[in-house]
């Protein structure tokens, strides 16, 4: 059976309120010291056996590549120990928030237009992220078949991770809006459904565990 494990990046300097993405560029935000420790703990939890045999995908942003490096360190691995070299895929980047400070406007407009559909000025909506995540999943399936892989590790961002789960499990927009954003360095597992009640989101064939269901808003 195929098992996918998705990891949100560890605590970044933007999460900690130290750096602003609109000043430095969202792709340039680094991890905090705490974030490095969180990612190493995630690597220990994932374990060397799972990681070294996985197809590994990572967003090209600094906070995700640093998270992957620390995950490997936490599992006492280096890239040379992996069966497949990690694949850096820009489609796994976080939703683009545009070039203005739209936070206050987003809070107002998100409740009107819906968090899935609201698009940042000069940026993206979650629906846009869903489209490119769908393209990534198609490419991932082809790679799984070519490599005869049974394990996949993806290091990405909170909202992108939620779009992945939504697309992979064929969930509805209402399901997306009930998902909580995973915590920093949280691990979300998607696997074959071997019984009922396996996780907060289920389909007939697959279930996802590690995302909490919350009320919209």
N, C-alpha and C. Protein backbone atom coordinates (compact mmCIF):
# COMPACT_ATOMS: atom_id res chain seq x y z
N UNK A 1 0.83 -1.20 0.00
CA UNK A 1 0.00 0.00 0.00
C UNK A 1 0.87 1.26 0.00
N UNK A 2 0.37 2.28 -0.67
CA UNK A 2 1.06 3.57 -0.71
C UNK A 2 0.75 4.38 0.54
N UNK A 3 1.78 4.98 1.12
CA UNK A 3 1.61 5.89 2.26
C UNK A 3 2.28 7.22 1.92
N UNK A 4 1.53 8.29 2.10
CA UNK A 4 2.06 9.63 1.90
C UNK A 4 2.13 10.35 3.23
N UNK A 5 3.24 11.02 3.48
CA UNK A 5 3.38 11.85 4.67
C UNK A 5 3.76 13.26 4.22
N UNK A 6 2.93 14.21 4.62
CA UNK A 6 3.14 15.61 4.28
C UNK A 6 3.53 16.36 5.53
N UNK A 7 4.55 17.21 5.43
CA UNK A 7 5.05 17.98 6.57
C UNK A 7 4.97 19.46 6.24
N UNK A 8 4.30 20.21 7.12
CA UNK A 8 4.36 21.66 6.99
C UNK A 8 5.73 22.13 7.48
N UNK A 9 6.27 23.17 6.86
CA UNK A 9 7.57 23.69 7.29
C UNK A 9 7.54 24.02 8.78
N UNK A 10 8.69 23.96 9.39
CA UNK A 10 8.82 24.30 10.81
C UNK A 10 8.67 25.81 11.01
N UNK A 11 8.72 26.24 12.27
CA UNK A 11 8.50 27.65 12.57
C UNK A 11 9.50 28.53 11.82
N UNK A 12 8.96 29.50 11.09
CA UNK A 12 9.80 30.43 10.34
C UNK A 12 9.92 31.75 11.08
N UNK A 13 10.83 32.59 10.60
CA UNK A 13 11.01 33.91 11.21
C UNK A 13 9.79 34.80 10.97
N UNK A 14 9.01 34.50 9.93
CA UNK A 14 7.76 35.20 9.71
C UNK A 14 6.70 34.73 10.71
N UNK A 15 6.62 33.42 10.95
CA UNK A 15 5.69 32.89 11.95
C UNK A 15 5.96 33.51 13.32
N UNK A 16 7.24 33.74 13.62
CA UNK A 16 7.63 34.28 14.92
C UNK A 16 7.53 35.80 14.98
N UNK A 17 7.16 36.43 13.86
CA UNK A 17 7.01 37.88 13.84
C UNK A 17 8.32 38.64 13.75
N UNK A 18 9.40 37.95 13.36
CA UNK A 18 10.71 38.60 13.26
C UNK A 18 10.90 39.25 11.90
N UNK A 19 10.58 38.53 10.83
CA UNK A 19 10.72 39.03 9.47
C UNK A 19 9.36 39.12 8.80
N UNK A 20 9.23 40.05 7.87
CA UNK A 20 7.99 40.21 7.11
C UNK A 20 8.23 39.74 5.68
N UNK A 21 7.36 38.85 5.22
CA UNK A 21 7.52 38.29 3.88
C UNK A 21 7.46 39.37 2.81
N UNK A 22 6.63 40.40 3.02
CA UNK A 22 6.49 41.42 1.98
C UNK A 22 7.74 42.29 1.87
N UNK A 23 8.61 42.27 2.90
CA UNK A 23 9.86 43.02 2.84
C UNK A 23 10.99 42.19 2.24
N UNK A 24 11.09 40.93 2.65
CA UNK A 24 12.22 40.08 2.23
C UNK A 24 11.92 39.22 1.02
N UNK A 25 10.65 39.06 0.69
CA UNK A 25 10.26 38.07 -0.31
C UNK A 25 9.90 36.78 0.41
N UNK A 26 8.71 36.28 0.16
CA UNK A 26 8.22 35.11 0.90
C UNK A 26 9.16 33.92 0.77
N UNK A 27 9.80 33.78 -0.39
CA UNK A 27 10.68 32.62 -0.61
C UNK A 27 11.98 32.72 0.18
N UNK A 28 12.29 33.89 0.75
CA UNK A 28 13.56 34.08 1.46
C UNK A 28 13.46 33.92 2.97
N UNK A 29 12.29 33.62 3.50
CA UNK A 29 12.11 33.55 4.94
C UNK A 29 12.76 32.27 5.50
N UNK A 30 13.62 32.44 6.49
CA UNK A 30 14.35 31.31 7.09
C UNK A 30 13.60 30.77 8.31
N UNK A 31 14.07 29.65 8.82
CA UNK A 31 13.55 29.08 10.05
C UNK A 31 14.15 29.78 11.27
N UNK A 32 13.43 29.73 12.36
CA UNK A 32 13.97 30.15 13.64
C UNK A 32 14.78 28.99 14.25
N UNK A 33 15.47 29.28 15.34
CA UNK A 33 16.18 28.21 16.05
C UNK A 33 15.19 27.14 16.53
N UNK A 34 14.05 27.61 17.02
CA UNK A 34 13.02 26.66 17.44
C UNK A 34 12.54 25.82 16.24
N UNK A 35 12.43 26.47 15.08
CA UNK A 35 12.01 25.75 13.89
C UNK A 35 12.97 24.64 13.52
N UNK A 36 14.26 24.89 13.63
CA UNK A 36 15.25 23.85 13.36
C UNK A 36 15.04 22.66 14.29
N UNK A 37 14.78 22.93 15.55
CA UNK A 37 14.55 21.85 16.51
C UNK A 37 13.26 21.09 16.19
N UNK A 38 12.21 21.82 15.80
CA UNK A 38 10.94 21.18 15.43
C UNK A 38 11.13 20.23 14.25
N UNK A 39 11.88 20.68 13.25
CA UNK A 39 12.08 19.85 12.06
C UNK A 39 12.92 18.62 12.37
N UNK A 40 13.93 18.77 13.22
CA UNK A 40 14.72 17.59 13.61
C UNK A 40 13.85 16.58 14.37
N UNK A 41 12.95 17.09 15.21
CA UNK A 41 12.03 16.19 15.93
C UNK A 41 11.10 15.48 14.95
N UNK A 42 10.66 16.18 13.91
CA UNK A 42 9.81 15.55 12.90
C UNK A 42 10.57 14.45 12.16
N UNK A 43 11.85 14.69 11.88
CA UNK A 43 12.67 13.67 11.22
C UNK A 43 12.81 12.43 12.08
N UNK A 44 12.98 12.64 13.38
CA UNK A 44 13.07 11.50 14.30
C UNK A 44 11.76 10.74 14.33
N UNK A 45 10.64 11.46 14.30
CA UNK A 45 9.33 10.81 14.31
C UNK A 45 9.08 10.05 13.01
N UNK A 46 9.43 10.65 11.89
CA UNK A 46 9.24 9.98 10.61
C UNK A 46 10.09 8.71 10.52
N UNK A 47 11.32 8.79 10.98
CA UNK A 47 12.23 7.66 11.02
C UNK A 47 13.00 7.45 9.73
N UNK A 48 14.22 6.99 9.88
CA UNK A 48 15.10 6.78 8.73
C UNK A 48 14.53 5.77 7.75
N UNK A 49 13.88 4.72 8.25
CA UNK A 49 13.37 3.66 7.38
C UNK A 49 12.34 4.20 6.40
N UNK A 50 11.46 5.08 6.89
CA UNK A 50 10.46 5.65 5.98
C UNK A 50 11.10 6.63 5.01
N UNK A 51 11.93 7.51 5.53
CA UNK A 51 12.47 8.60 4.70
C UNK A 51 13.36 8.07 3.59
N UNK A 52 14.25 7.16 3.90
CA UNK A 52 15.26 6.77 2.90
C UNK A 52 14.67 6.02 1.72
N UNK A 53 13.49 5.42 1.89
CA UNK A 53 12.86 4.70 0.78
C UNK A 53 11.78 5.51 0.08
N UNK A 54 11.58 6.76 0.49
CA UNK A 54 10.49 7.58 -0.03
C UNK A 54 10.89 8.35 -1.28
N UNK A 55 9.87 8.64 -2.10
CA UNK A 55 9.99 9.73 -3.05
C UNK A 55 9.83 11.01 -2.23
N UNK A 56 10.79 11.91 -2.32
CA UNK A 56 10.79 13.11 -1.49
C UNK A 56 10.59 14.33 -2.38
N UNK A 57 9.59 15.14 -2.03
CA UNK A 57 9.30 16.37 -2.76
C UNK A 57 9.35 17.54 -1.78
N UNK A 58 9.83 18.69 -2.26
CA UNK A 58 9.94 19.84 -1.38
C UNK A 58 9.66 21.13 -2.15
N UNK A 59 8.98 22.04 -1.51
CA UNK A 59 8.82 23.39 -2.06
C UNK A 59 10.20 24.07 -2.12
N UNK A 60 10.46 24.91 -3.11
CA UNK A 60 11.78 25.53 -3.22
C UNK A 60 12.01 26.68 -2.25
N UNK A 61 11.02 27.06 -1.44
CA UNK A 61 11.20 28.17 -0.51
C UNK A 61 12.23 27.82 0.56
N UNK A 62 12.89 28.84 1.07
CA UNK A 62 13.98 28.61 2.03
C UNK A 62 13.49 27.87 3.28
N UNK A 63 12.34 28.23 3.80
CA UNK A 63 11.88 27.61 5.04
C UNK A 63 11.54 26.12 4.86
N UNK A 64 11.16 25.73 3.64
CA UNK A 64 10.86 24.31 3.40
C UNK A 64 12.14 23.52 3.13
N UNK A 65 13.08 24.10 2.39
CA UNK A 65 14.32 23.37 2.14
C UNK A 65 15.13 23.22 3.44
N UNK A 66 15.08 24.25 4.30
CA UNK A 66 15.73 24.14 5.60
C UNK A 66 15.03 23.08 6.46
N UNK A 67 13.71 23.02 6.37
CA UNK A 67 12.97 22.00 7.12
C UNK A 67 13.37 20.61 6.67
N UNK A 68 13.48 20.38 5.37
CA UNK A 68 13.88 19.07 4.87
C UNK A 68 15.28 18.72 5.35
N UNK A 69 16.20 19.66 5.29
CA UNK A 69 17.57 19.39 5.75
C UNK A 69 17.58 18.97 7.21
N UNK A 70 16.77 19.64 8.03
CA UNK A 70 16.72 19.30 9.45
C UNK A 70 15.99 17.97 9.68
N UNK A 71 15.00 17.67 8.87
CA UNK A 71 14.33 16.36 8.95
C UNK A 71 15.34 15.25 8.72
N UNK A 72 16.16 15.40 7.71
CA UNK A 72 17.18 14.38 7.42
C UNK A 72 18.17 14.28 8.58
N UNK A 73 18.57 15.43 9.12
CA UNK A 73 19.50 15.41 10.26
C UNK A 73 18.87 14.71 11.46
N UNK A 74 17.59 14.96 11.69
CA UNK A 74 16.90 14.35 12.82
C UNK A 74 16.77 12.85 12.69
N UNK A 75 16.78 12.36 11.43
CA UNK A 75 16.72 10.93 11.18
C UNK A 75 18.11 10.32 10.96
N UNK A 76 19.15 11.12 11.19
CA UNK A 76 20.54 10.68 11.00
C UNK A 76 20.79 10.22 9.57
N UNK A 77 20.29 11.00 8.62
CA UNK A 77 20.46 10.70 7.21
C UNK A 77 21.05 11.91 6.50
N UNK A 78 21.70 11.66 5.37
CA UNK A 78 22.02 12.73 4.44
C UNK A 78 21.41 12.36 3.09
N UNK A 79 21.45 13.30 2.15
CA UNK A 79 20.78 13.04 0.87
C UNK A 79 21.37 11.85 0.14
N UNK A 80 22.64 11.56 0.37
CA UNK A 80 23.27 10.41 -0.28
C UNK A 80 22.71 9.08 0.17
N UNK A 81 22.06 9.08 1.34
CA UNK A 81 21.48 7.83 1.86
C UNK A 81 20.09 7.56 1.30
N UNK A 82 19.51 8.52 0.57
CA UNK A 82 18.17 8.36 0.05
C UNK A 82 18.16 7.54 -1.23
N UNK A 83 17.16 6.70 -1.37
CA UNK A 83 17.03 5.91 -2.59
C UNK A 83 16.78 6.79 -3.79
N UNK A 84 16.03 7.87 -3.60
CA UNK A 84 15.73 8.81 -4.69
C UNK A 84 16.13 10.21 -4.25
N UNK A 85 16.82 10.97 -5.08
CA UNK A 85 17.17 12.34 -4.70
C UNK A 85 15.90 13.18 -4.55
N UNK A 86 15.87 14.13 -3.62
CA UNK A 86 14.68 14.96 -3.45
C UNK A 86 14.36 15.76 -4.71
N UNK A 87 13.08 15.91 -4.96
CA UNK A 87 12.59 16.69 -6.10
C UNK A 87 12.08 18.03 -5.59
N UNK A 88 12.65 19.10 -6.09
CA UNK A 88 12.19 20.44 -5.74
C UNK A 88 11.13 20.86 -6.75
N UNK A 89 9.92 21.16 -6.30
CA UNK A 89 8.82 21.46 -7.22
C UNK A 89 8.16 22.78 -6.83
N UNK A 90 8.24 23.81 -7.69
CA UNK A 90 7.64 25.12 -7.38
C UNK A 90 6.13 25.07 -7.20
N UNK A 91 5.47 24.03 -7.70
CA UNK A 91 4.02 23.93 -7.53
C UNK A 91 3.64 23.69 -6.07
N UNK A 92 4.62 23.34 -5.25
CA UNK A 92 4.37 23.12 -3.82
C UNK A 92 4.58 24.38 -3.00
N UNK A 93 4.84 25.52 -3.65
CA UNK A 93 5.06 26.77 -2.92
C UNK A 93 3.77 27.20 -2.22
N UNK A 94 3.92 28.12 -1.27
CA UNK A 94 2.75 28.63 -0.56
C UNK A 94 1.93 29.55 -1.47
N UNK A 95 0.68 29.76 -1.10
CA UNK A 95 -0.17 30.69 -1.83
C UNK A 95 0.49 32.06 -1.85
N UNK A 96 0.53 32.69 -3.02
CA UNK A 96 1.18 33.98 -3.17
C UNK A 96 0.25 35.09 -2.68
N UNK A 97 0.74 35.88 -1.74
CA UNK A 97 -0.09 36.90 -1.09
C UNK A 97 0.01 38.26 -1.76
N UNK A 98 0.66 38.35 -2.92
CA UNK A 98 0.79 39.63 -3.60
C UNK A 98 1.88 40.48 -2.96
N UNK A 99 1.93 41.75 -3.34
CA UNK A 99 3.03 42.62 -2.93
C UNK A 99 2.60 43.75 -2.01
N UNK A 100 1.37 43.73 -1.56
CA UNK A 100 0.90 44.74 -0.62
C UNK A 100 0.55 44.06 0.69
N UNK A 101 0.47 44.86 1.74
CA UNK A 101 0.06 44.32 3.04
C UNK A 101 -1.46 44.26 3.05
N UNK A 102 -2.01 43.11 2.66
CA UNK A 102 -3.46 42.95 2.51
C UNK A 102 -4.11 42.23 3.68
N UNK A 103 -3.40 42.12 4.80
CA UNK A 103 -3.90 41.27 5.88
C UNK A 103 -5.27 41.74 6.41
N UNK A 104 -5.40 43.02 6.66
CA UNK A 104 -6.68 43.52 7.18
C UNK A 104 -7.79 43.33 6.17
N UNK A 105 -7.49 43.63 4.92
CA UNK A 105 -8.52 43.47 3.88
C UNK A 105 -8.89 42.01 3.73
N UNK A 106 -7.91 41.11 3.83
CA UNK A 106 -8.21 39.69 3.70
C UNK A 106 -9.16 39.24 4.80
N UNK A 107 -8.94 39.74 6.01
CA UNK A 107 -9.83 39.35 7.11
C UNK A 107 -11.27 39.79 6.83
N UNK A 108 -11.41 40.99 6.23
CA UNK A 108 -12.76 41.48 5.92
C UNK A 108 -13.37 40.71 4.76
N UNK A 109 -12.60 40.58 3.67
CA UNK A 109 -13.14 40.02 2.45
C UNK A 109 -13.27 38.49 2.49
N UNK A 110 -12.40 37.84 3.27
CA UNK A 110 -12.45 36.38 3.32
C UNK A 110 -13.78 35.87 3.83
N UNK A 111 -14.35 36.57 4.80
CA UNK A 111 -15.63 36.14 5.35
C UNK A 111 -16.77 36.41 4.37
N UNK A 112 -16.57 37.33 3.42
CA UNK A 112 -17.60 37.65 2.43
C UNK A 112 -17.53 36.70 1.24
N UNK A 113 -16.33 36.53 0.69
CA UNK A 113 -16.16 35.76 -0.55
C UNK A 113 -15.82 34.29 -0.30
N UNK A 114 -15.47 33.95 0.93
CA UNK A 114 -15.08 32.57 1.22
C UNK A 114 -13.57 32.44 1.20
N UNK A 115 -13.02 31.70 2.15
CA UNK A 115 -11.56 31.58 2.26
C UNK A 115 -10.97 30.80 1.10
N UNK A 116 -11.74 29.95 0.47
CA UNK A 116 -11.22 29.18 -0.67
C UNK A 116 -11.13 30.04 -1.92
N UNK A 117 -12.06 30.97 -2.08
CA UNK A 117 -12.15 31.73 -3.33
C UNK A 117 -11.48 33.10 -3.26
N UNK A 118 -11.27 33.63 -2.06
CA UNK A 118 -10.71 34.98 -1.96
C UNK A 118 -9.30 35.03 -2.56
N UNK A 119 -9.07 35.97 -3.47
CA UNK A 119 -7.76 36.12 -4.11
C UNK A 119 -7.09 37.40 -3.63
N UNK A 120 -5.84 37.25 -3.17
CA UNK A 120 -5.05 38.43 -2.81
C UNK A 120 -4.86 39.32 -4.04
N UNK A 121 -4.78 40.62 -3.82
CA UNK A 121 -4.43 41.52 -4.91
C UNK A 121 -3.03 41.18 -5.40
N UNK A 122 -2.89 41.00 -6.73
CA UNK A 122 -1.62 40.61 -7.35
C UNK A 122 -1.13 39.26 -6.80
N UNK A 123 -2.03 38.46 -6.28
CA UNK A 123 -1.64 37.17 -5.71
C UNK A 123 -2.58 36.06 -6.13
N UNK A 124 -2.75 35.09 -5.25
CA UNK A 124 -3.52 33.89 -5.55
C UNK A 124 -4.64 33.69 -4.53
N UNK A 125 -5.55 32.83 -4.89
CA UNK A 125 -6.54 32.30 -3.96
C UNK A 125 -6.19 30.85 -3.66
N UNK A 126 -6.86 30.29 -2.67
CA UNK A 126 -6.70 28.85 -2.42
C UNK A 126 -7.15 28.05 -3.63
N UNK A 127 -8.14 28.54 -4.35
CA UNK A 127 -8.59 27.85 -5.57
C UNK A 127 -7.48 27.79 -6.60
N UNK A 128 -6.69 28.86 -6.73
CA UNK A 128 -5.54 28.85 -7.65
C UNK A 128 -4.52 27.80 -7.20
N UNK A 129 -4.28 27.76 -5.89
CA UNK A 129 -3.34 26.78 -5.34
C UNK A 129 -3.84 25.36 -5.59
N UNK A 130 -5.14 25.16 -5.48
CA UNK A 130 -5.75 23.86 -5.75
C UNK A 130 -5.44 23.40 -7.18
N UNK A 131 -5.52 24.34 -8.14
CA UNK A 131 -5.26 23.99 -9.54
C UNK A 131 -3.83 23.51 -9.75
N UNK A 132 -2.85 24.24 -9.19
CA UNK A 132 -1.47 23.79 -9.41
C UNK A 132 -1.14 22.56 -8.58
N UNK A 133 -1.80 22.41 -7.43
CA UNK A 133 -1.62 21.19 -6.64
C UNK A 133 -2.16 19.98 -7.41
N UNK A 134 -3.25 20.17 -8.14
CA UNK A 134 -3.80 19.09 -8.96
C UNK A 134 -2.79 18.66 -10.02
N UNK A 135 -2.14 19.64 -10.64
CA UNK A 135 -1.11 19.33 -11.64
C UNK A 135 0.05 18.57 -11.00
N UNK A 136 0.46 18.99 -9.79
CA UNK A 136 1.54 18.29 -9.10
C UNK A 136 1.16 16.84 -8.82
N UNK A 137 -0.05 16.59 -8.37
CA UNK A 137 -0.47 15.23 -8.04
C UNK A 137 -0.42 14.33 -9.26
N UNK A 138 -0.83 14.86 -10.41
CA UNK A 138 -0.74 14.07 -11.64
C UNK A 138 0.70 13.67 -11.93
N UNK A 139 1.63 14.61 -11.80
CA UNK A 139 3.05 14.31 -12.01
C UNK A 139 3.56 13.32 -10.97
N UNK A 140 3.13 13.48 -9.73
CA UNK A 140 3.55 12.59 -8.65
C UNK A 140 3.12 11.15 -8.93
N UNK A 141 1.89 10.97 -9.39
CA UNK A 141 1.41 9.62 -9.69
C UNK A 141 2.27 8.95 -10.77
N UNK A 142 2.62 9.72 -11.80
CA UNK A 142 3.46 9.15 -12.86
C UNK A 142 4.82 8.72 -12.30
N UNK A 143 5.38 9.54 -11.41
CA UNK A 143 6.67 9.20 -10.80
C UNK A 143 6.54 7.99 -9.89
N UNK A 144 5.45 7.89 -9.15
CA UNK A 144 5.22 6.72 -8.29
C UNK A 144 5.20 5.45 -9.13
N UNK A 145 4.54 5.51 -10.26
CA UNK A 145 4.46 4.33 -11.14
C UNK A 145 5.82 3.99 -11.73
N UNK A 146 6.57 5.02 -12.16
CA UNK A 146 7.89 4.76 -12.75
C UNK A 146 8.85 4.17 -11.73
N UNK A 147 8.84 4.70 -10.52
CA UNK A 147 9.79 4.29 -9.50
C UNK A 147 9.27 3.11 -8.66
N UNK A 148 8.01 2.70 -8.89
CA UNK A 148 7.39 1.63 -8.10
C UNK A 148 7.47 1.95 -6.61
N UNK A 149 7.20 3.22 -6.30
CA UNK A 149 7.33 3.70 -4.93
C UNK A 149 6.11 3.31 -4.10
N UNK A 150 6.35 3.13 -2.81
CA UNK A 150 5.28 2.84 -1.86
C UNK A 150 5.23 3.88 -0.73
N UNK A 151 6.18 4.81 -0.74
CA UNK A 151 6.24 5.84 0.29
C UNK A 151 6.55 7.18 -0.38
N UNK A 152 5.87 8.21 0.08
CA UNK A 152 6.08 9.57 -0.43
C UNK A 152 6.17 10.53 0.75
N UNK A 153 7.16 11.40 0.72
CA UNK A 153 7.33 12.45 1.73
C UNK A 153 7.30 13.80 1.02
N UNK A 154 6.43 14.68 1.46
CA UNK A 154 6.28 16.01 0.85
C UNK A 154 6.45 17.07 1.94
N UNK A 155 7.37 18.00 1.72
CA UNK A 155 7.59 19.10 2.65
C UNK A 155 7.10 20.37 1.97
N UNK A 156 6.06 20.97 2.55
CA UNK A 156 5.40 22.08 1.88
C UNK A 156 4.90 23.09 2.92
N UNK A 157 3.82 23.79 2.60
CA UNK A 157 3.30 24.89 3.40
C UNK A 157 1.88 24.57 3.86
N UNK A 158 1.41 25.31 4.86
CA UNK A 158 0.14 24.98 5.48
C UNK A 158 -1.04 24.96 4.53
N UNK A 159 -1.26 26.05 3.80
CA UNK A 159 -2.42 26.10 2.93
C UNK A 159 -2.27 25.17 1.74
N UNK A 160 -1.06 25.07 1.22
CA UNK A 160 -0.81 24.15 0.11
C UNK A 160 -1.06 22.71 0.54
N UNK A 161 -0.67 22.39 1.76
CA UNK A 161 -0.91 21.04 2.28
C UNK A 161 -2.41 20.76 2.35
N UNK A 162 -3.18 21.74 2.80
CA UNK A 162 -4.63 21.56 2.87
C UNK A 162 -5.24 21.38 1.49
N UNK A 163 -4.75 22.13 0.50
CA UNK A 163 -5.23 21.96 -0.88
C UNK A 163 -4.88 20.58 -1.41
N UNK A 164 -3.69 20.08 -1.04
CA UNK A 164 -3.30 18.74 -1.47
C UNK A 164 -4.27 17.71 -0.92
N UNK A 165 -4.55 17.78 0.38
CA UNK A 165 -5.47 16.82 1.00
C UNK A 165 -6.85 16.92 0.37
N UNK A 166 -7.31 18.14 0.14
CA UNK A 166 -8.62 18.34 -0.48
C UNK A 166 -8.68 17.67 -1.86
N UNK A 167 -7.66 17.91 -2.67
CA UNK A 167 -7.64 17.36 -4.03
C UNK A 167 -7.47 15.85 -4.01
N UNK A 168 -6.56 15.36 -3.19
CA UNK A 168 -6.24 13.93 -3.18
C UNK A 168 -7.44 13.11 -2.71
N UNK A 169 -8.17 13.64 -1.72
CA UNK A 169 -9.32 12.91 -1.17
C UNK A 169 -10.64 13.31 -1.83
N UNK A 170 -10.56 14.19 -2.84
CA UNK A 170 -11.77 14.64 -3.54
C UNK A 170 -12.79 15.22 -2.56
N UNK A 171 -12.30 16.11 -1.68
CA UNK A 171 -13.18 16.74 -0.71
C UNK A 171 -13.87 17.96 -1.31
N UNK A 172 -14.88 18.44 -0.62
CA UNK A 172 -15.63 19.60 -1.06
C UNK A 172 -15.01 20.88 -0.48
N UNK A 173 -15.40 22.02 -1.07
CA UNK A 173 -14.93 23.30 -0.57
C UNK A 173 -15.30 23.47 0.90
N UNK A 174 -16.49 23.03 1.27
CA UNK A 174 -16.91 23.13 2.68
C UNK A 174 -15.97 22.33 3.59
N UNK A 175 -15.46 21.20 3.11
CA UNK A 175 -14.51 20.42 3.90
C UNK A 175 -13.21 21.19 4.08
N UNK A 176 -12.75 21.82 2.99
CA UNK A 176 -11.53 22.63 3.06
C UNK A 176 -11.67 23.71 4.13
N UNK A 177 -12.81 24.36 4.16
CA UNK A 177 -12.99 25.48 5.07
C UNK A 177 -13.16 25.02 6.52
N UNK A 178 -13.33 23.73 6.73
CA UNK A 178 -13.37 23.20 8.10
C UNK A 178 -12.01 22.69 8.57
N UNK A 179 -11.04 22.64 7.65
CA UNK A 179 -9.72 22.14 8.03
C UNK A 179 -8.94 23.19 8.81
N UNK A 180 -8.28 22.76 9.85
CA UNK A 180 -7.34 23.63 10.54
C UNK A 180 -6.00 23.61 9.81
N UNK A 181 -5.31 24.75 9.82
CA UNK A 181 -3.96 24.75 9.27
C UNK A 181 -3.07 23.89 10.16
N UNK A 182 -2.28 22.99 9.61
CA UNK A 182 -1.40 22.18 10.46
C UNK A 182 -0.41 23.05 11.20
N UNK A 183 0.03 22.60 12.35
CA UNK A 183 1.05 23.32 13.09
C UNK A 183 2.40 23.23 12.40
N UNK A 184 3.33 24.06 12.81
CA UNK A 184 4.67 24.01 12.22
C UNK A 184 5.31 22.65 12.47
N UNK A 185 5.84 22.07 11.42
CA UNK A 185 6.50 20.75 11.44
C UNK A 185 5.52 19.61 11.74
N UNK A 186 4.21 19.88 11.62
CA UNK A 186 3.22 18.82 11.80
C UNK A 186 3.30 17.83 10.65
N UNK A 187 3.02 16.58 10.95
CA UNK A 187 3.04 15.50 9.96
C UNK A 187 1.60 15.06 9.70
N UNK A 188 1.19 15.08 8.44
CA UNK A 188 -0.14 14.62 8.04
C UNK A 188 0.05 13.35 7.21
N UNK A 189 -0.63 12.30 7.59
CA UNK A 189 -0.50 11.00 6.92
C UNK A 189 -1.74 10.73 6.07
N UNK A 190 -1.51 10.33 4.83
CA UNK A 190 -2.59 9.85 3.95
C UNK A 190 -2.26 8.41 3.58
N UNK A 191 -3.19 7.51 3.82
CA UNK A 191 -2.95 6.10 3.56
C UNK A 191 -4.26 5.44 3.14
N UNK A 192 -4.17 4.17 2.77
CA UNK A 192 -5.36 3.41 2.41
C UNK A 192 -6.29 3.29 3.60
N UNK A 193 -7.58 3.34 3.32
CA UNK A 193 -8.57 3.24 4.36
C UNK A 193 -8.76 1.77 4.74
N UNK A 194 -8.29 1.42 5.95
CA UNK A 194 -8.41 0.04 6.41
C UNK A 194 -9.51 -0.12 7.45
N UNK A 195 -10.34 0.89 7.60
CA UNK A 195 -11.41 0.81 8.57
C UNK A 195 -12.06 2.17 8.74
N UNK A 196 -13.19 2.21 9.35
CA UNK A 196 -13.90 3.47 9.52
C UNK A 196 -13.30 4.25 10.68
N UNK A 197 -13.51 5.56 10.64
CA UNK A 197 -13.06 6.42 11.74
C UNK A 197 -11.57 6.58 11.82
N UNK A 198 -10.86 6.41 10.70
CA UNK A 198 -9.40 6.48 10.73
C UNK A 198 -8.88 7.89 10.89
N UNK A 199 -9.66 8.87 10.51
CA UNK A 199 -9.18 10.24 10.61
C UNK A 199 -10.33 11.21 10.43
N UNK A 200 -10.06 12.51 10.55
CA UNK A 200 -11.14 13.49 10.44
C UNK A 200 -11.71 13.60 9.03
N UNK A 201 -10.93 13.22 8.00
CA UNK A 201 -11.41 13.28 6.63
C UNK A 201 -11.21 11.91 5.98
N UNK A 202 -12.28 11.35 5.45
CA UNK A 202 -12.21 9.99 4.89
C UNK A 202 -12.89 9.93 3.54
N UNK A 203 -12.41 9.06 2.67
CA UNK A 203 -13.12 8.65 1.47
C UNK A 203 -13.19 7.14 1.49
N UNK A 204 -13.81 6.56 0.48
CA UNK A 204 -13.93 5.10 0.46
C UNK A 204 -12.57 4.41 0.37
N UNK A 205 -11.61 5.03 -0.28
CA UNK A 205 -10.32 4.37 -0.51
C UNK A 205 -9.21 4.91 0.37
N UNK A 206 -9.28 6.18 0.75
CA UNK A 206 -8.17 6.83 1.44
C UNK A 206 -8.67 7.55 2.68
N UNK A 207 -7.78 7.75 3.62
CA UNK A 207 -8.09 8.59 4.78
C UNK A 207 -6.88 9.45 5.09
N UNK A 208 -7.15 10.58 5.71
CA UNK A 208 -6.08 11.49 6.12
C UNK A 208 -6.16 11.70 7.62
N UNK A 209 -5.03 11.62 8.27
CA UNK A 209 -4.98 11.83 9.70
C UNK A 209 -3.91 12.88 10.02
N UNK A 210 -4.26 13.80 10.90
CA UNK A 210 -3.31 14.84 11.28
C UNK A 210 -3.83 16.24 11.06
N UNK A 211 -4.99 16.35 10.42
CA UNK A 211 -5.65 17.65 10.24
C UNK A 211 -6.89 17.68 11.11
N UNK A 212 -7.02 18.69 11.94
CA UNK A 212 -8.19 18.81 12.80
C UNK A 212 -9.33 19.45 12.01
N UNK A 213 -10.55 19.06 12.33
CA UNK A 213 -11.73 19.69 11.74
C UNK A 213 -12.17 20.82 12.67
N UNK A 214 -12.36 22.00 12.11
CA UNK A 214 -12.74 23.15 12.92
C UNK A 214 -13.91 23.86 12.25
N UNK A 215 -14.54 24.74 12.98
CA UNK A 215 -15.65 25.52 12.42
C UNK A 215 -15.09 26.59 11.49
N UNK A 216 -15.76 26.90 10.38
CA UNK A 216 -15.28 27.93 9.46
C UNK A 216 -15.11 29.27 10.14
N UNK A 217 -14.16 30.08 9.62
CA UNK A 217 -13.97 31.43 10.14
C UNK A 217 -12.81 31.58 11.04
